Amino acid sequence: RLDTLGVWHAAALVSCESALWIVDSLGVVRYEPASGAHRRVIERPRDTAAVPMSMLCDADGRMWLGLLGGGIDVHGRDGRLLRSFPPEQVYGSRAVTFVDPMLGPDGDVWTLALDAVLRWDGTRLQRLPLAEGEDAHAMAFAPDGTLWVARFGALERYRRDGNVLRRLRRIDGDDGLPALEVRGLIVSGDGLVWATTMRG
């Protein structure tokens, strides 16, 4: 039971380096199933309104923590803050939540925020704008390297061309897609796109 680990309102679970990392409103708890050992490795500062919502463990064991309205923070295995990307670096004064941090086909970290995809190129977060339209809420890579993005009432497929994302296809109400907000998106090995909404 998560409550026995001191977890409060869990938002995400990530498996990394034989441990389970649990993201909750207070930070991140590391749990080792083999021994049952657990400890809070990241404590959310009490003077901030930014709440952890998502996390990625990259190939080097760093934790990329998406914060509700607060950008994204990068932590080491021990929880130490290595780097912070506040939303104003990308969107000025807007309170932006970076969602779905993931490893792309190139092995780099990708994340999504409003009208753009952000890619870590080793020195900075590179902003790759989406086609004009609604704010985006979820993304997923297909086996062929293309990127699917979910917007309100629409799914869009993109291909990266250097520093540009080119839209290949859009599926919306004209194709029978309901006007709903997609929060979960995954592409199966055979290229099928699966999306979750409040209605299923």
N, C-alpha and C. Protein backbone atom coordinates (compact mmCIF):
# COMPACT_ATOMS: atom_id res chain seq x y z
N ARG A 1 0.83 -1.20 0.00
CA ARG A 1 0.00 0.00 0.00
C ARG A 1 0.87 1.26 0.00
N LEU A 2 0.51 2.20 -0.87
CA LEU A 2 1.34 3.40 -1.00
C LEU A 2 1.31 4.27 0.25
N ASP A 3 0.20 4.24 1.00
CA ASP A 3 0.14 5.09 2.18
C ASP A 3 1.14 4.67 3.25
N THR A 4 1.57 3.41 3.23
CA THR A 4 2.58 2.96 4.19
C THR A 4 3.96 3.48 3.83
N LEU A 5 4.13 4.02 2.62
CA LEU A 5 5.41 4.57 2.20
C LEU A 5 5.46 6.08 2.39
N GLY A 6 4.42 6.64 2.97
CA GLY A 6 4.39 8.08 3.15
C GLY A 6 4.03 8.83 1.89
N VAL A 7 3.40 8.14 0.93
CA VAL A 7 3.03 8.77 -0.34
C VAL A 7 1.69 9.48 -0.18
N TRP A 8 1.59 10.69 -0.74
CA TRP A 8 0.39 11.50 -0.64
C TRP A 8 -0.08 11.88 -2.04
N HIS A 9 -1.20 11.32 -2.49
CA HIS A 9 -1.77 11.63 -3.81
C HIS A 9 -0.77 11.35 -4.92
N ALA A 10 -0.46 10.08 -5.13
CA ALA A 10 0.51 9.69 -6.16
C ALA A 10 0.06 10.14 -7.54
N ALA A 11 1.01 10.69 -8.32
CA ALA A 11 0.70 11.19 -9.66
C ALA A 11 1.34 10.33 -10.74
N ALA A 12 2.45 9.66 -10.44
CA ALA A 12 3.15 8.88 -11.46
C ALA A 12 4.01 7.82 -10.79
N LEU A 13 4.21 6.70 -11.50
CA LEU A 13 5.10 5.63 -11.07
C LEU A 13 6.11 5.38 -12.17
N VAL A 14 7.39 5.33 -11.83
CA VAL A 14 8.44 5.12 -12.81
C VAL A 14 9.38 4.04 -12.32
N SER A 15 9.65 3.04 -13.18
CA SER A 15 10.60 1.99 -12.85
C SER A 15 11.96 2.36 -13.41
N CYS A 16 12.98 2.37 -12.56
CA CYS A 16 14.32 2.78 -12.98
C CYS A 16 15.36 2.17 -12.06
N GLU A 17 16.36 1.51 -12.66
CA GLU A 17 17.48 0.96 -11.89
C GLU A 17 17.00 0.06 -10.77
N SER A 18 16.11 -0.88 -11.08
CA SER A 18 15.58 -1.89 -10.16
C SER A 18 14.80 -1.30 -8.99
N ALA A 19 14.44 -0.04 -9.09
CA ALA A 19 13.65 0.60 -8.03
C ALA A 19 12.40 1.21 -8.65
N LEU A 20 11.43 1.48 -7.78
CA LEU A 20 10.20 2.14 -8.20
C LEU A 20 10.22 3.55 -7.63
N TRP A 21 10.06 4.54 -8.51
CA TRP A 21 10.06 5.94 -8.12
C TRP A 21 8.62 6.42 -8.16
N ILE A 22 8.13 6.93 -7.04
CA ILE A 22 6.74 7.32 -6.90
C ILE A 22 6.66 8.84 -6.78
N VAL A 23 6.00 9.46 -7.74
CA VAL A 23 5.84 10.91 -7.74
C VAL A 23 4.53 11.26 -7.05
N ASP A 24 4.61 12.13 -6.04
CA ASP A 24 3.38 12.57 -5.38
C ASP A 24 3.44 14.09 -5.16
N SER A 25 2.45 14.63 -4.51
CA SER A 25 2.37 16.08 -4.36
C SER A 25 3.46 16.65 -3.46
N LEU A 26 4.17 15.78 -2.75
CA LEU A 26 5.23 16.24 -1.85
C LEU A 26 6.63 16.09 -2.44
N GLY A 27 6.75 15.37 -3.57
CA GLY A 27 8.06 15.16 -4.18
C GLY A 27 8.16 13.79 -4.81
N VAL A 28 9.24 13.06 -4.48
CA VAL A 28 9.46 11.73 -5.06
C VAL A 28 9.96 10.78 -3.98
N VAL A 29 9.37 9.57 -3.94
CA VAL A 29 9.79 8.52 -3.03
C VAL A 29 10.43 7.40 -3.84
N ARG A 30 11.59 6.91 -3.40
CA ARG A 30 12.24 5.76 -4.03
C ARG A 30 11.92 4.51 -3.21
N TYR A 31 11.38 3.50 -3.88
CA TYR A 31 11.00 2.25 -3.21
C TYR A 31 11.70 1.09 -3.89
N GLU A 32 12.37 0.24 -3.10
CA GLU A 32 13.07 -0.93 -3.61
C GLU A 32 12.27 -2.18 -3.25
N PRO A 33 11.58 -2.77 -4.25
CA PRO A 33 10.70 -3.92 -3.97
C PRO A 33 11.43 -5.10 -3.34
N ALA A 34 12.69 -5.33 -3.71
CA ALA A 34 13.42 -6.49 -3.20
C ALA A 34 13.60 -6.45 -1.69
N SER A 35 13.91 -5.26 -1.16
CA SER A 35 14.19 -5.14 0.27
C SER A 35 13.06 -4.47 1.04
N GLY A 36 12.19 -3.76 0.32
CA GLY A 36 11.12 -3.02 0.99
C GLY A 36 11.58 -1.66 1.48
N ALA A 37 12.86 -1.34 1.24
CA ALA A 37 13.39 -0.04 1.69
C ALA A 37 12.77 1.09 0.87
N HIS A 38 12.53 2.19 1.55
CA HIS A 38 11.98 3.35 0.85
C HIS A 38 12.42 4.63 1.56
N ARG A 39 12.54 5.68 0.79
CA ARG A 39 12.89 6.98 1.35
C ARG A 39 12.49 8.07 0.37
N ARG A 40 12.21 9.23 0.91
CA ARG A 40 11.86 10.37 0.06
C ARG A 40 13.15 11.03 -0.42
N VAL A 41 13.39 10.98 -1.72
CA VAL A 41 14.64 11.51 -2.26
C VAL A 41 14.50 12.94 -2.76
N ILE A 42 13.28 13.36 -3.05
CA ILE A 42 13.04 14.74 -3.47
C ILE A 42 11.90 15.30 -2.63
N GLU A 43 12.15 16.41 -1.99
CA GLU A 43 11.15 17.07 -1.17
C GLU A 43 10.75 18.36 -1.86
N ARG A 44 9.47 18.52 -2.13
CA ARG A 44 9.01 19.75 -2.77
C ARG A 44 9.13 20.90 -1.78
N PRO A 45 9.78 22.00 -2.18
CA PRO A 45 9.89 23.16 -1.29
C PRO A 45 8.50 23.67 -0.90
N ARG A 46 8.34 23.98 0.37
CA ARG A 46 7.02 24.41 0.86
C ARG A 46 6.64 25.80 0.36
N ASP A 47 7.61 26.57 -0.13
CA ASP A 47 7.32 27.93 -0.56
C ASP A 47 7.00 28.01 -2.05
N THR A 48 6.75 26.88 -2.70
CA THR A 48 6.41 26.88 -4.11
C THR A 48 5.06 26.23 -4.34
N ALA A 49 4.34 26.75 -5.35
CA ALA A 49 3.03 26.18 -5.69
C ALA A 49 3.16 25.10 -6.75
N ALA A 50 4.35 24.92 -7.31
CA ALA A 50 4.57 23.93 -8.36
C ALA A 50 4.50 22.51 -7.78
N VAL A 51 3.61 21.69 -8.31
CA VAL A 51 3.40 20.33 -7.80
C VAL A 51 3.93 19.31 -8.81
N PRO A 52 4.75 18.34 -8.39
CA PRO A 52 5.24 17.30 -9.31
C PRO A 52 4.09 16.52 -9.93
N MET A 53 4.16 16.32 -11.26
CA MET A 53 3.07 15.63 -11.97
C MET A 53 3.55 14.44 -12.79
N SER A 54 4.80 14.48 -13.26
CA SER A 54 5.30 13.41 -14.13
C SER A 54 6.81 13.30 -13.97
N MET A 55 7.37 12.16 -14.41
CA MET A 55 8.81 11.98 -14.25
C MET A 55 9.35 11.03 -15.30
N LEU A 56 10.59 11.26 -15.67
CA LEU A 56 11.32 10.37 -16.57
C LEU A 56 12.68 10.09 -15.95
N CYS A 57 13.10 8.84 -16.00
CA CYS A 57 14.45 8.46 -15.61
C CYS A 57 15.24 8.25 -16.90
N ASP A 58 16.27 9.06 -17.16
CA ASP A 58 16.98 8.95 -18.43
C ASP A 58 18.08 7.89 -18.37
N ALA A 59 18.83 7.75 -19.44
CA ALA A 59 19.84 6.69 -19.55
C ALA A 59 20.96 6.85 -18.53
N ASP A 60 21.15 8.06 -18.02
CA ASP A 60 22.20 8.32 -17.03
C ASP A 60 21.68 8.30 -15.60
N GLY A 61 20.41 7.90 -15.44
CA GLY A 61 19.85 7.82 -14.10
C GLY A 61 19.36 9.14 -13.55
N ARG A 62 19.34 10.19 -14.37
CA ARG A 62 18.83 11.47 -13.92
C ARG A 62 17.30 11.46 -13.98
N MET A 63 16.68 12.18 -13.06
CA MET A 63 15.23 12.25 -13.00
C MET A 63 14.76 13.61 -13.52
N TRP A 64 13.94 13.55 -14.56
CA TRP A 64 13.34 14.76 -15.13
C TRP A 64 11.92 14.85 -14.57
N LEU A 65 11.69 15.87 -13.76
CA LEU A 65 10.46 15.97 -13.00
C LEU A 65 9.61 17.12 -13.55
N GLY A 66 8.44 16.78 -14.14
CA GLY A 66 7.53 17.79 -14.66
C GLY A 66 6.68 18.36 -13.54
N LEU A 67 6.62 19.69 -13.44
CA LEU A 67 5.92 20.36 -12.35
C LEU A 67 4.69 21.09 -12.87
N LEU A 68 3.58 20.95 -12.16
CA LEU A 68 2.35 21.62 -12.55
C LEU A 68 2.55 23.13 -12.48
N GLY A 69 2.56 23.78 -13.65
CA GLY A 69 2.72 25.22 -13.71
C GLY A 69 4.11 25.71 -13.39
N GLY A 70 5.10 24.79 -13.27
CA GLY A 70 6.42 25.21 -12.82
C GLY A 70 7.58 24.74 -13.66
N GLY A 71 7.33 24.31 -14.91
CA GLY A 71 8.43 23.90 -15.77
C GLY A 71 8.90 22.49 -15.47
N ILE A 72 10.21 22.28 -15.53
CA ILE A 72 10.76 20.94 -15.32
C ILE A 72 12.10 21.05 -14.58
N ASP A 73 12.32 20.15 -13.62
CA ASP A 73 13.57 20.09 -12.86
C ASP A 73 14.28 18.79 -13.16
N VAL A 74 15.60 18.83 -13.13
CA VAL A 74 16.41 17.64 -13.35
C VAL A 74 17.17 17.33 -12.06
N HIS A 75 17.02 16.10 -11.56
CA HIS A 75 17.65 15.69 -10.31
C HIS A 75 18.58 14.51 -10.54
N GLY A 76 19.59 14.39 -9.69
CA GLY A 76 20.48 13.25 -9.71
C GLY A 76 19.86 12.08 -8.96
N ARG A 77 20.55 10.92 -8.97
CA ARG A 77 20.04 9.73 -8.29
C ARG A 77 19.77 9.98 -6.81
N ASP A 78 20.57 10.86 -6.21
CA ASP A 78 20.43 11.14 -4.78
C ASP A 78 19.38 12.20 -4.49
N GLY A 79 18.71 12.68 -5.54
CA GLY A 79 17.68 13.70 -5.36
C GLY A 79 18.18 15.11 -5.48
N ARG A 80 19.51 15.29 -5.59
CA ARG A 80 20.07 16.64 -5.68
C ARG A 80 19.62 17.32 -6.97
N LEU A 81 19.20 18.58 -6.86
CA LEU A 81 18.77 19.34 -8.03
C LEU A 81 19.99 19.70 -8.89
N LEU A 82 19.96 19.24 -10.14
CA LEU A 82 21.08 19.50 -11.05
C LEU A 82 20.81 20.70 -11.95
N ARG A 83 19.56 20.84 -12.37
CA ARG A 83 19.22 21.91 -13.30
C ARG A 83 17.72 22.16 -13.25
N SER A 84 17.35 23.40 -13.48
CA SER A 84 15.94 23.76 -13.48
C SER A 84 15.60 24.54 -14.75
N PHE A 85 14.46 24.21 -15.33
CA PHE A 85 13.98 24.91 -16.52
C PHE A 85 12.64 25.55 -16.18
N PRO A 86 12.64 26.77 -15.62
CA PRO A 86 11.37 27.43 -15.31
C PRO A 86 10.63 27.78 -16.59
N PRO A 87 9.30 27.82 -16.54
CA PRO A 87 8.52 28.05 -17.76
C PRO A 87 8.81 29.37 -18.45
N GLU A 88 9.25 30.37 -17.69
CA GLU A 88 9.50 31.67 -18.31
C GLU A 88 10.65 31.63 -19.31
N GLN A 89 11.51 30.61 -19.23
CA GLN A 89 12.57 30.48 -20.21
C GLN A 89 12.01 30.17 -21.60
N VAL A 90 10.82 29.58 -21.63
CA VAL A 90 10.22 29.17 -22.90
C VAL A 90 9.00 30.01 -23.25
N TYR A 91 8.21 30.36 -22.21
CA TYR A 91 6.93 31.01 -22.48
C TYR A 91 6.76 32.33 -21.74
N GLY A 92 7.83 32.99 -21.40
CA GLY A 92 7.69 34.27 -20.71
C GLY A 92 7.09 34.08 -19.33
N SER A 93 6.04 34.81 -19.03
CA SER A 93 5.47 34.79 -17.69
C SER A 93 4.38 33.74 -17.53
N ARG A 94 4.08 32.97 -18.57
CA ARG A 94 3.00 31.99 -18.48
C ARG A 94 3.36 30.82 -17.56
N ALA A 95 2.39 30.40 -16.78
CA ALA A 95 2.58 29.22 -15.92
C ALA A 95 2.33 27.98 -16.78
N VAL A 96 3.38 27.28 -17.11
CA VAL A 96 3.29 26.18 -18.07
C VAL A 96 3.68 24.87 -17.38
N THR A 97 2.93 23.81 -17.70
CA THR A 97 3.25 22.47 -17.22
C THR A 97 3.86 21.68 -18.36
N PHE A 98 5.09 21.19 -18.19
CA PHE A 98 5.72 20.33 -19.18
C PHE A 98 5.25 18.90 -18.91
N VAL A 99 4.64 18.26 -19.89
CA VAL A 99 4.06 16.94 -19.67
C VAL A 99 4.75 15.88 -20.53
N ASP A 100 4.54 14.63 -20.14
CA ASP A 100 5.03 13.47 -20.88
C ASP A 100 6.53 13.51 -21.19
N PRO A 101 7.40 13.79 -20.21
CA PRO A 101 8.83 13.66 -20.51
C PRO A 101 9.14 12.22 -20.89
N MET A 102 9.89 12.02 -21.99
CA MET A 102 10.17 10.67 -22.48
C MET A 102 11.45 10.68 -23.29
N LEU A 103 12.00 9.49 -23.50
CA LEU A 103 13.16 9.36 -24.38
C LEU A 103 12.67 9.17 -25.80
N GLY A 104 13.19 9.98 -26.72
CA GLY A 104 12.81 9.88 -28.12
C GLY A 104 13.62 8.82 -28.84
N PRO A 105 13.34 8.59 -30.10
CA PRO A 105 14.09 7.61 -30.89
C PRO A 105 15.58 7.93 -30.98
N ASP A 106 15.92 9.21 -30.80
CA ASP A 106 17.32 9.64 -30.85
C ASP A 106 18.02 9.46 -29.52
N GLY A 107 17.30 9.01 -28.48
CA GLY A 107 17.89 8.83 -27.17
C GLY A 107 17.87 10.07 -26.32
N ASP A 108 17.39 11.19 -26.87
CA ASP A 108 17.32 12.45 -26.13
C ASP A 108 16.01 12.54 -25.37
N VAL A 109 15.97 13.45 -24.40
CA VAL A 109 14.76 13.68 -23.62
C VAL A 109 13.85 14.64 -24.38
N TRP A 110 12.58 14.26 -24.52
CA TRP A 110 11.57 15.09 -25.15
C TRP A 110 10.46 15.34 -24.14
N THR A 111 9.83 16.52 -24.23
CA THR A 111 8.68 16.81 -23.40
C THR A 111 7.75 17.73 -24.17
N LEU A 112 6.58 17.96 -23.63
CA LEU A 112 5.54 18.69 -24.35
C LEU A 112 5.04 19.84 -23.49
N ALA A 113 4.77 20.98 -24.12
CA ALA A 113 4.24 22.14 -23.40
C ALA A 113 3.42 23.01 -24.35
N LEU A 114 2.13 23.05 -24.11
CA LEU A 114 1.21 23.91 -24.86
C LEU A 114 1.26 23.68 -26.36
N ASP A 115 1.97 24.54 -27.08
CA ASP A 115 1.96 24.51 -28.55
C ASP A 115 3.29 24.08 -29.14
N ALA A 116 4.11 23.40 -28.36
CA ALA A 116 5.43 23.01 -28.85
C ALA A 116 5.93 21.75 -28.16
N VAL A 117 6.83 21.06 -28.84
CA VAL A 117 7.57 19.95 -28.25
C VAL A 117 8.97 20.47 -27.92
N LEU A 118 9.50 20.05 -26.79
CA LEU A 118 10.82 20.49 -26.35
C LEU A 118 11.77 19.31 -26.31
N ARG A 119 12.95 19.50 -26.88
CA ARG A 119 13.94 18.41 -26.96
C ARG A 119 15.25 18.87 -26.33
N TRP A 120 15.76 18.05 -25.41
CA TRP A 120 17.04 18.35 -24.77
C TRP A 120 18.16 17.90 -25.70
N ASP A 121 18.97 18.85 -26.19
CA ASP A 121 20.03 18.52 -27.14
C ASP A 121 21.39 18.37 -26.48
N GLY A 122 21.40 18.29 -25.15
CA GLY A 122 22.65 18.13 -24.41
C GLY A 122 23.12 19.42 -23.76
N THR A 123 22.64 20.56 -24.26
CA THR A 123 23.02 21.85 -23.68
C THR A 123 21.82 22.74 -23.38
N ARG A 124 20.71 22.51 -24.09
CA ARG A 124 19.53 23.37 -23.88
C ARG A 124 18.26 22.62 -24.30
N LEU A 125 17.12 23.15 -23.89
CA LEU A 125 15.84 22.64 -24.35
C LEU A 125 15.49 23.35 -25.65
N GLN A 126 15.50 22.59 -26.72
CA GLN A 126 15.21 23.13 -28.05
C GLN A 126 13.70 23.10 -28.28
N ARG A 127 13.12 24.22 -28.67
CA ARG A 127 11.68 24.32 -28.86
C ARG A 127 11.32 24.05 -30.32
N LEU A 128 10.45 23.04 -30.52
CA LEU A 128 9.99 22.68 -31.86
C LEU A 128 8.49 22.93 -31.92
N PRO A 129 8.05 24.05 -32.51
CA PRO A 129 6.63 24.40 -32.52
C PRO A 129 5.80 23.39 -33.29
N LEU A 130 4.57 23.20 -32.81
CA LEU A 130 3.59 22.39 -33.51
C LEU A 130 2.85 23.27 -34.52
N ALA A 131 2.08 22.63 -35.39
CA ALA A 131 1.24 23.39 -36.30
C ALA A 131 0.24 24.20 -35.48
N GLU A 132 -0.22 25.31 -36.02
CA GLU A 132 -1.15 26.17 -35.30
C GLU A 132 -2.41 25.39 -34.93
N GLY A 133 -2.87 25.60 -33.70
CA GLY A 133 -4.06 24.89 -33.27
C GLY A 133 -4.22 24.93 -31.76
N GLU A 134 -4.98 23.99 -31.22
CA GLU A 134 -5.27 23.93 -29.81
C GLU A 134 -4.02 23.54 -29.02
N ASP A 135 -4.04 23.82 -27.70
CA ASP A 135 -2.94 23.38 -26.84
C ASP A 135 -2.86 21.86 -26.86
N ALA A 136 -1.65 21.34 -26.76
CA ALA A 136 -1.43 19.89 -26.77
C ALA A 136 -1.36 19.36 -25.34
N HIS A 137 -1.82 18.12 -25.14
CA HIS A 137 -1.90 17.55 -23.80
C HIS A 137 -1.15 16.23 -23.63
N ALA A 138 -0.79 15.57 -24.72
CA ALA A 138 -0.10 14.28 -24.62
C ALA A 138 0.63 14.00 -25.92
N MET A 139 1.66 13.17 -25.85
CA MET A 139 2.40 12.80 -27.06
C MET A 139 2.97 11.40 -26.90
N ALA A 140 3.29 10.78 -28.04
CA ALA A 140 3.89 9.45 -28.04
C ALA A 140 4.58 9.22 -29.37
N PHE A 141 5.72 8.53 -29.32
CA PHE A 141 6.45 8.19 -30.53
C PHE A 141 5.97 6.86 -31.08
N ALA A 142 5.91 6.77 -32.41
CA ALA A 142 5.56 5.53 -33.09
C ALA A 142 6.84 4.77 -33.42
N PRO A 143 6.73 3.46 -33.70
CA PRO A 143 7.92 2.67 -34.02
C PRO A 143 8.72 3.21 -35.21
N ASP A 144 8.05 3.93 -36.13
CA ASP A 144 8.76 4.46 -37.30
C ASP A 144 9.44 5.81 -37.02
N GLY A 145 9.38 6.26 -35.76
CA GLY A 145 10.05 7.51 -35.39
C GLY A 145 9.18 8.74 -35.51
N THR A 146 7.98 8.59 -36.07
CA THR A 146 7.08 9.74 -36.12
C THR A 146 6.48 10.00 -34.74
N LEU A 147 5.94 11.20 -34.58
CA LEU A 147 5.42 11.63 -33.28
C LEU A 147 3.93 11.91 -33.39
N TRP A 148 3.16 11.33 -32.48
CA TRP A 148 1.73 11.62 -32.39
C TRP A 148 1.50 12.57 -31.23
N VAL A 149 0.68 13.58 -31.46
CA VAL A 149 0.36 14.59 -30.45
C VAL A 149 -1.15 14.68 -30.30
N ALA A 150 -1.62 14.74 -29.06
CA ALA A 150 -3.06 14.86 -28.79
C ALA A 150 -3.39 16.30 -28.42
N ARG A 151 -4.39 16.84 -29.13
CA ARG A 151 -4.94 18.14 -28.81
C ARG A 151 -6.43 17.94 -28.50
N PHE A 152 -7.10 18.99 -28.04
CA PHE A 152 -8.52 18.85 -27.72
C PHE A 152 -9.28 18.48 -29.00
N GLY A 153 -9.85 17.29 -28.98
CA GLY A 153 -10.63 16.84 -30.12
C GLY A 153 -9.84 16.52 -31.36
N ALA A 154 -8.52 16.31 -31.22
CA ALA A 154 -7.71 16.04 -32.42
C ALA A 154 -6.46 15.24 -32.07
N LEU A 155 -6.03 14.41 -33.03
CA LEU A 155 -4.76 13.71 -32.97
C LEU A 155 -3.96 14.12 -34.20
N GLU A 156 -2.67 14.43 -34.01
CA GLU A 156 -1.84 14.86 -35.12
C GLU A 156 -0.56 14.04 -35.16
N ARG A 157 -0.12 13.75 -36.38
CA ARG A 157 1.10 12.98 -36.58
C ARG A 157 2.15 13.88 -37.22
N TYR A 158 3.38 13.85 -36.65
CA TYR A 158 4.47 14.71 -37.10
C TYR A 158 5.72 13.90 -37.42
N ARG A 159 6.53 14.48 -38.30
CA ARG A 159 7.86 13.96 -38.56
C ARG A 159 8.86 15.08 -38.35
N ARG A 160 9.94 14.77 -37.66
CA ARG A 160 10.97 15.78 -37.43
C ARG A 160 11.85 15.91 -38.67
N ASP A 161 12.03 17.15 -39.09
CA ASP A 161 12.91 17.48 -40.21
C ASP A 161 13.90 18.52 -39.73
N GLY A 162 15.03 18.05 -39.19
CA GLY A 162 16.01 18.97 -38.60
C GLY A 162 15.44 19.62 -37.35
N ASN A 163 15.31 20.94 -37.35
CA ASN A 163 14.78 21.66 -36.21
C ASN A 163 13.30 22.01 -36.39
N VAL A 164 12.63 21.31 -37.30
CA VAL A 164 11.23 21.60 -37.60
C VAL A 164 10.40 20.32 -37.48
N LEU A 165 9.19 20.46 -36.94
CA LEU A 165 8.23 19.36 -36.94
C LEU A 165 7.23 19.60 -38.06
N ARG A 166 7.12 18.64 -38.95
CA ARG A 166 6.19 18.78 -40.08
C ARG A 166 4.98 17.88 -39.84
N ARG A 167 3.80 18.49 -39.89
CA ARG A 167 2.58 17.71 -39.66
C ARG A 167 2.25 16.88 -40.89
N LEU A 168 2.05 15.58 -40.67
CA LEU A 168 1.74 14.66 -41.76
C LEU A 168 0.25 14.37 -41.85
N ARG A 169 -0.43 14.42 -40.71
CA ARG A 169 -1.83 14.02 -40.70
C ARG A 169 -2.53 14.62 -39.49
N ARG A 170 -3.81 14.92 -39.63
CA ARG A 170 -4.64 15.37 -38.51
C ARG A 170 -5.96 14.59 -38.54
N ILE A 171 -6.33 14.05 -37.38
CA ILE A 171 -7.59 13.34 -37.21
C ILE A 171 -8.42 14.13 -36.20
N ASP A 172 -9.63 14.55 -36.60
CA ASP A 172 -10.46 15.35 -35.72
C ASP A 172 -11.93 14.97 -35.87
N GLY A 173 -12.82 15.91 -35.55
CA GLY A 173 -14.24 15.63 -35.59
C GLY A 173 -14.74 15.22 -36.96
N ASP A 174 -14.10 15.71 -38.00
CA ASP A 174 -14.51 15.34 -39.35
C ASP A 174 -14.28 13.85 -39.63
N ASP A 175 -13.40 13.25 -38.83
CA ASP A 175 -13.10 11.82 -38.98
C ASP A 175 -13.80 10.98 -37.93
N GLY A 176 -14.68 11.63 -37.14
CA GLY A 176 -15.42 10.90 -36.12
C GLY A 176 -14.79 10.92 -34.75
N LEU A 177 -13.70 11.67 -34.55
CA LEU A 177 -13.06 11.74 -33.23
C LEU A 177 -13.86 12.68 -32.33
N PRO A 178 -14.25 12.23 -31.14
CA PRO A 178 -15.06 13.08 -30.25
C PRO A 178 -14.28 14.30 -29.78
N ALA A 179 -15.00 15.36 -29.44
CA ALA A 179 -14.38 16.59 -28.93
C ALA A 179 -14.08 16.40 -27.45
N LEU A 180 -13.01 15.66 -27.16
CA LEU A 180 -12.59 15.36 -25.80
C LEU A 180 -11.11 15.65 -25.63
N GLU A 181 -10.70 15.83 -24.38
CA GLU A 181 -9.30 16.06 -24.07
C GLU A 181 -8.60 14.74 -23.82
N VAL A 182 -7.58 14.45 -24.58
CA VAL A 182 -6.80 13.21 -24.43
C VAL A 182 -5.66 13.47 -23.45
N ARG A 183 -5.57 12.64 -22.41
CA ARG A 183 -4.51 12.79 -21.42
C ARG A 183 -3.48 11.68 -21.46
N GLY A 184 -3.82 10.57 -22.09
CA GLY A 184 -2.88 9.48 -22.22
C GLY A 184 -2.80 9.02 -23.66
N LEU A 185 -1.59 8.80 -24.15
CA LEU A 185 -1.40 8.45 -25.56
C LEU A 185 -0.26 7.44 -25.66
N ILE A 186 -0.48 6.38 -26.44
CA ILE A 186 0.57 5.39 -26.67
C ILE A 186 0.38 4.80 -28.07
N VAL A 187 1.49 4.44 -28.71
CA VAL A 187 1.45 3.84 -30.03
C VAL A 187 2.02 2.43 -29.91
N SER A 188 1.27 1.44 -30.32
CA SER A 188 1.70 0.04 -30.20
C SER A 188 2.73 -0.30 -31.25
N GLY A 189 3.31 -1.49 -31.11
CA GLY A 189 4.36 -1.92 -32.03
C GLY A 189 3.91 -2.03 -33.47
N ASP A 190 2.61 -2.23 -33.68
CA ASP A 190 2.11 -2.32 -35.05
C ASP A 190 1.56 -1.00 -35.56
N GLY A 191 1.83 0.09 -34.80
CA GLY A 191 1.46 1.42 -35.27
C GLY A 191 0.08 1.90 -34.88
N LEU A 192 -0.66 1.11 -34.09
CA LEU A 192 -1.98 1.54 -33.65
C LEU A 192 -1.86 2.60 -32.56
N VAL A 193 -2.66 3.65 -32.65
CA VAL A 193 -2.64 4.73 -31.68
C VAL A 193 -3.76 4.51 -30.66
N TRP A 194 -3.38 4.48 -29.37
CA TRP A 194 -4.34 4.31 -28.29
C TRP A 194 -4.38 5.60 -27.47
N ALA A 195 -5.58 6.09 -27.19
CA ALA A 195 -5.74 7.33 -26.45
C ALA A 195 -6.75 7.15 -25.32
N THR A 196 -6.53 7.81 -24.19
CA THR A 196 -7.46 7.75 -23.07
C THR A 196 -8.08 9.12 -22.84
N THR A 197 -9.38 9.11 -22.52
CA THR A 197 -10.12 10.32 -22.20
C THR A 197 -10.96 10.05 -20.96
N MET A 198 -11.71 11.05 -20.52
CA MET A 198 -12.57 10.87 -19.36
C MET A 198 -13.68 9.85 -19.65
N ARG A 199 -13.94 9.60 -20.92
CA ARG A 199 -14.99 8.65 -21.29
C ARG A 199 -14.45 7.26 -21.63
N GLY A 200 -13.15 7.10 -21.51
CA GLY A 200 -12.56 5.81 -21.80
C GLY A 200 -11.56 5.85 -22.91
